[in-house]
Protein backbone atom coordinates (compact mmCIF):
# COMPACT_ATOMS: atom_id res chain seq x y z
CA MET A 1 -0.03 -0.08 -0.05
CA ASP A 2 1.36 3.34 -0.92
CA PHE A 3 0.58 5.71 2.05
CA LYS A 4 1.69 8.85 3.72
CA LEU A 5 1.60 9.23 7.52
CA GLU A 6 1.21 12.79 9.08
CA ILE A 7 1.90 13.05 12.82
CA CYS A 8 0.20 15.87 14.88
CA ILE A 9 2.84 17.39 17.13
CA ASP A 10 3.48 20.36 19.38
CA GLY A 11 7.21 20.24 20.10
CA ILE A 12 10.61 19.36 18.92
CA GLN A 13 10.89 16.01 20.57
CA SER A 14 7.81 14.83 18.78
CA ALA A 15 9.12 16.10 15.53
CA LEU A 16 12.34 14.01 15.93
CA ASN A 17 10.40 11.02 16.99
CA ALA A 18 8.05 11.19 13.97
CA GLN A 19 10.96 11.55 11.60
CA ASN A 20 13.10 8.89 13.25
CA THR A 21 10.27 6.32 12.86
CA GLY A 22 9.32 6.87 9.23
CA ALA A 23 6.60 9.46 9.23
CA THR A 24 6.04 11.42 5.97
CA ARG A 25 5.59 14.78 7.63
CA VAL A 26 4.32 16.50 10.70
CA GLU A 27 1.56 18.99 11.38
CA LEU A 28 2.93 21.53 13.97
CA CYS A 29 0.41 23.10 16.37
CA ASP A 30 0.27 24.56 19.88
CA ASN A 31 -2.55 23.82 22.45
CA LEU A 32 -3.48 20.48 21.20
CA SER A 33 -5.66 19.68 24.16
CA GLU A 34 -7.99 22.52 22.87
CA GLY A 35 -8.04 21.58 19.18
CA GLY A 36 -4.69 23.35 18.32
CA THR A 37 -3.62 26.88 17.59
CA THR A 38 -0.72 28.42 15.52
CA PRO A 39 2.61 27.66 17.19
CA GLY A 40 5.14 30.11 18.07
CA PHE A 41 7.69 30.99 15.46
CA GLY A 42 10.63 29.94 17.57
CA THR A 43 9.06 26.52 17.56
CA ILE A 44 8.41 26.65 13.84
CA ASP A 45 11.97 27.58 13.04
CA SER A 46 13.47 24.93 15.54
CA VAL A 47 11.41 22.25 14.09
CA ARG A 48 12.01 23.19 10.53
CA ASN A 49 15.82 23.35 11.10
CA SER A 50 15.89 19.94 13.09
CA ILE A 51 14.09 17.56 10.72
CA ASP A 52 14.15 16.85 6.95
CA ILE A 53 10.60 15.53 6.57
CA GLY A 54 7.66 17.75 5.67
CA VAL A 55 6.53 20.44 8.05
CA HIS A 56 2.95 21.73 7.88
CA VAL A 57 1.90 24.54 10.30
CA LEU A 58 -1.52 25.01 11.66
CA ILE A 59 -2.92 28.45 11.09
CA ARG A 60 -5.55 29.02 13.67
CA PRO A 61 -5.37 32.37 15.56
CA ARG A 62 -7.60 31.22 18.48
CA THR A 63 -9.55 28.21 19.94
CA GLY A 64 -13.35 27.93 19.48
CA ASP A 65 -15.30 28.34 16.32
CA PHE A 66 -14.04 29.00 12.85
CA LEU A 67 -15.93 32.23 12.10
CA TYR A 68 -13.16 34.79 12.07
CA THR A 69 -13.22 38.61 12.30
CA ASP A 70 -11.35 40.69 9.71
CA ALA A 71 -8.60 41.34 12.41
CA GLU A 72 -8.25 37.48 12.94
CA PHE A 73 -8.15 36.84 9.14
CA ASP A 74 -5.40 39.51 8.91
CA ILE A 75 -3.41 37.46 11.61
CA MET A 76 -3.98 34.36 9.52
CA ARG A 77 -2.41 36.10 6.52
CA LYS A 78 0.60 37.35 8.42
CA ASP A 79 1.16 33.83 9.95
CA ILE A 80 1.07 32.31 6.46
CA GLU A 81 3.64 34.75 5.22
CA SER A 82 5.85 34.01 8.19
CA CYS A 83 5.64 30.28 7.63
CA LYS A 84 6.58 30.80 4.03
CA ARG A 85 9.71 32.78 5.27
CA SER A 86 10.58 30.02 7.57
CA GLY A 87 10.64 27.27 4.99
CA ALA A 88 7.53 25.46 6.08
CA ASP A 89 6.36 23.05 3.43
CA GLY A 90 2.67 23.60 4.04
CA VAL A 91 -0.12 25.29 6.07
CA VAL A 92 -3.30 23.92 7.46
CA ILE A 93 -6.34 26.40 7.42
CA GLY A 94 -10.12 26.51 7.79
CA ILE A 95 -12.81 29.15 7.74
CA LEU A 96 -16.51 28.83 7.95
CA ARG A 97 -19.29 31.34 7.43
CA ALA A 98 -21.93 31.90 10.19
CA ASP A 99 -24.42 29.52 8.37
CA GLY A 100 -21.99 26.59 8.44
CA SER A 101 -20.85 26.68 4.83
CA ILE A 102 -17.17 27.09 3.74
CA ASP A 103 -16.04 30.67 3.50
CA LEU A 104 -14.81 30.01 0.00
CA GLU A 105 -13.60 33.50 -0.88
CA ARG A 106 -11.37 34.02 2.08
CA THR A 107 -10.21 30.41 2.13
CA ALA A 108 -9.21 30.85 -1.67
CA GLU A 109 -7.44 33.92 -0.79
CA LEU A 110 -5.39 32.22 1.83
CA VAL A 111 -4.60 29.40 -0.50
CA ARG A 112 -3.29 31.83 -3.16
CA LEU A 113 -1.17 33.56 -0.48
CA ALA A 114 0.28 30.20 0.60
CA ARG A 115 1.70 29.24 -2.51
CA PRO A 116 3.94 27.45 -3.42
CA MET A 117 3.42 25.71 -0.05
CA SER A 118 0.88 22.80 0.15
CA VAL A 119 -2.51 23.68 1.76
CA THR A 120 -4.65 21.38 3.88
CA PHE A 121 -8.23 22.49 4.88
CA HIS A 122 -8.71 21.13 8.51
CA ARG A 123 -11.41 19.84 10.63
CA ALA A 124 -13.39 22.96 10.57
CA PHE A 125 -15.03 20.88 7.76
CA ASP A 126 -16.39 18.62 10.44
CA MET A 127 -18.45 21.46 11.72
CA CYS A 128 -20.00 22.52 8.33
CA ILE A 129 -23.61 21.92 7.41
CA ASN A 130 -23.42 20.08 4.17
CA PRO A 131 -20.29 17.96 3.76
CA LEU A 132 -20.63 16.95 0.17
CA GLU A 133 -21.20 20.55 -0.91
CA ALA A 134 -18.42 21.68 1.36
CA LEU A 135 -16.08 19.16 -0.42
CA GLU A 136 -16.71 20.89 -3.74
CA ASP A 137 -16.35 24.33 -2.21
CA ILE A 138 -12.95 23.30 -0.84
CA ILE A 139 -11.76 21.82 -3.96
CA ALA A 140 -12.84 25.14 -5.86
CA THR A 141 -10.57 27.14 -3.41
CA GLY A 142 -7.46 25.17 -4.78
CA ALA A 143 -6.66 23.43 -1.50
CA ASP A 144 -4.54 20.23 -1.88
CA ARG A 145 -6.04 18.21 0.98
CA LEU A 146 -8.83 17.89 3.38
CA LEU A 147 -8.42 16.63 7.12
CA THR A 148 -11.52 15.26 8.33
CA SER A 149 -13.00 12.75 10.72
CA GLY A 150 -16.08 12.18 8.58
CA GLN A 151 -17.96 14.72 10.67
CA LYS A 152 -17.83 12.48 13.87
CA ASN A 153 -15.62 12.67 17.04
CA SER A 154 -13.38 9.97 15.45
CA ALA A 155 -12.46 8.82 12.07
CA GLU A 156 -13.63 5.36 12.95
CA GLU A 157 -17.07 6.56 13.67
CA GLY A 158 -17.01 8.78 10.42
CA ALA A 159 -15.89 5.95 8.16
CA SER A 160 -18.97 5.84 6.04
CA LEU A 161 -18.68 9.56 5.10
CA LEU A 162 -15.00 9.18 4.70
CA ARG A 163 -15.58 6.65 2.07
CA ASP A 164 -18.05 8.98 0.19
CA LEU A 165 -15.67 11.84 0.46
CA VAL A 166 -12.71 9.82 -0.95
CA GLN A 167 -14.85 8.64 -3.97
CA GLN A 168 -16.33 11.98 -4.71
CA ALA A 169 -13.04 13.89 -4.52
CA GLY A 170 -11.28 11.28 -6.79
CA LYS A 171 -8.04 12.76 -7.86
CA ARG A 172 -8.99 16.34 -7.45
CA LEU A 173 -8.22 16.52 -3.73
CA ILE A 174 -6.62 14.25 -1.14
CA VAL A 175 -8.99 13.15 1.75
CA MET A 176 -7.00 12.46 4.76
CA PRO A 177 -8.65 10.95 7.82
CA GLY A 178 -7.80 12.04 11.19
CA SER A 179 -8.87 11.89 15.01
CA GLY A 180 -8.75 8.91 17.10
CA ILE A 181 -6.53 6.84 14.48
CA ASN A 182 -4.62 4.03 16.29
CA GLU A 183 -3.20 0.60 15.90
CA SER A 184 -6.63 -1.00 16.39
CA ASN A 185 -8.58 0.81 13.74
CA ILE A 186 -6.12 1.88 11.07
CA THR A 187 -6.98 -1.15 8.96
CA SER A 188 -10.70 -0.20 8.78
CA ILE A 189 -9.94 3.38 8.13
CA ALA A 190 -7.71 2.42 5.35
CA ALA A 191 -10.61 0.54 3.87
CA THR A 192 -12.29 3.83 3.08
CA GLY A 193 -9.81 4.22 0.17
CA ALA A 194 -7.77 6.96 1.74
CA THR A 195 -3.99 6.87 1.43
CA GLU A 196 -2.97 9.66 3.80
CA PHE A 197 -3.61 9.44 7.61
CA HIS A 198 -3.28 11.99 10.39
CA LEU A 199 -2.68 11.02 14.01
CA SER A 200 -0.93 12.00 17.15
CA ALA A 201 0.04 8.52 18.60
CA ARG A 202 1.18 10.18 21.78
CA LYS A 203 2.24 8.83 25.00
CA ILE A 204 2.72 10.33 28.52
CA ILE A 205 6.19 10.68 29.97
CA ALA A 206 6.99 11.87 33.43
CA SER A 207 8.54 15.26 34.13
CA ARG A 208 12.22 15.35 35.19
CA MET A 209 11.34 17.73 38.09
CA ILE A 210 12.46 16.62 41.39
CA PHE A 211 10.82 19.21 43.43
CA ARG A 212 7.02 19.22 42.87
CA LYS A 213 4.53 21.72 44.22
CA GLU A 214 1.50 19.49 43.85
CA ASP A 215 -1.13 21.89 45.18
CA VAL A 216 -0.60 24.64 42.70
CA ARG A 217 -1.96 24.29 39.04
CA MET A 218 -1.07 26.27 35.95
CA GLY A 219 -3.99 25.09 33.84
CA ASN A 220 -7.73 24.21 34.51
CA SER A 221 -8.24 21.58 31.80
CA PRO A 222 -9.61 18.20 33.01
CA GLY A 223 -6.70 15.84 33.57
CA PHE A 224 -4.13 18.52 33.12
CA ASN A 225 -0.80 17.73 34.94
CA GLU A 226 2.21 19.96 34.99
CA PHE A 227 4.37 16.97 35.77
CA GLU A 228 3.30 14.83 32.77
CA LEU A 229 4.48 15.42 29.04
CA LYS A 230 2.86 14.11 25.91
CA VAL A 231 5.12 13.23 23.10
CA ALA A 232 4.62 11.28 19.78
CA ASP A 233 5.36 7.67 20.68
CA PRO A 234 8.01 6.03 18.24
CA GLU A 235 6.71 2.52 18.91
CA ARG A 236 3.21 3.37 18.17
CA ILE A 237 4.13 5.01 14.90
CA ARG A 238 6.22 2.12 13.97
CA ASN A 239 3.36 -0.23 14.61
CA ILE A 240 1.00 1.62 12.51
CA ILE A 241 3.43 1.92 9.70
CA ARG A 242 4.09 -1.85 9.91
CA ILE A 243 0.33 -2.40 9.60
CA LEU A 244 -0.06 -0.19 6.60
CA LYS A 245 2.81 -1.68 4.84
CA ASN A 246 1.32 -5.23 5.28
CA MET A 247 -1.99 -4.28 3.87
């Protein structure tokens, strides 16, 4: 099977782990626990200078919905220009209108601005009102790829729509399943006909801190722990690559 594997990461160690285990590229983000936002440019430069595989950068100025003000749209334009200067291989974008349709005009403007970088339309698609119409709109913007869970919380749950999207897109656009992909379901997700897959494959590692002030928290997210770090797991990535190669 001819496949590509994109690892969603938020730091340099995960980038190195992804490259060293055979991933095709990384999607570089910040704030993964909240769906991801644009990372800092120190991180972008460090990752770009540390690995040889592809680096696609998430362009999302804030968490929450995908209906952006003019000021937020201007931030997205500036971030894309900075990514281009940094040597990134691609950007990952997504904009909706208030009625749940794809914001075709502003998305197309960002696609044009991003060239010659690759452009992926991200899981904002999973919040849109009509997925089959939205797919045609995304194709019309000139984007290269769609990252989607099939409008469900996981790609496994959305497999039926993913199959339809792959067939409808044909060779006009790459449909890349993402969300909840792991060793136990990669085979069924590959059965949709997709050939590119997006996953984080993370594991928890303990902080190296010796002194720990356990009664003070820096964040309020459920399950957040300052003394645990999450990184891409080389063994999990190897296992998924092994499964895909044997299909």
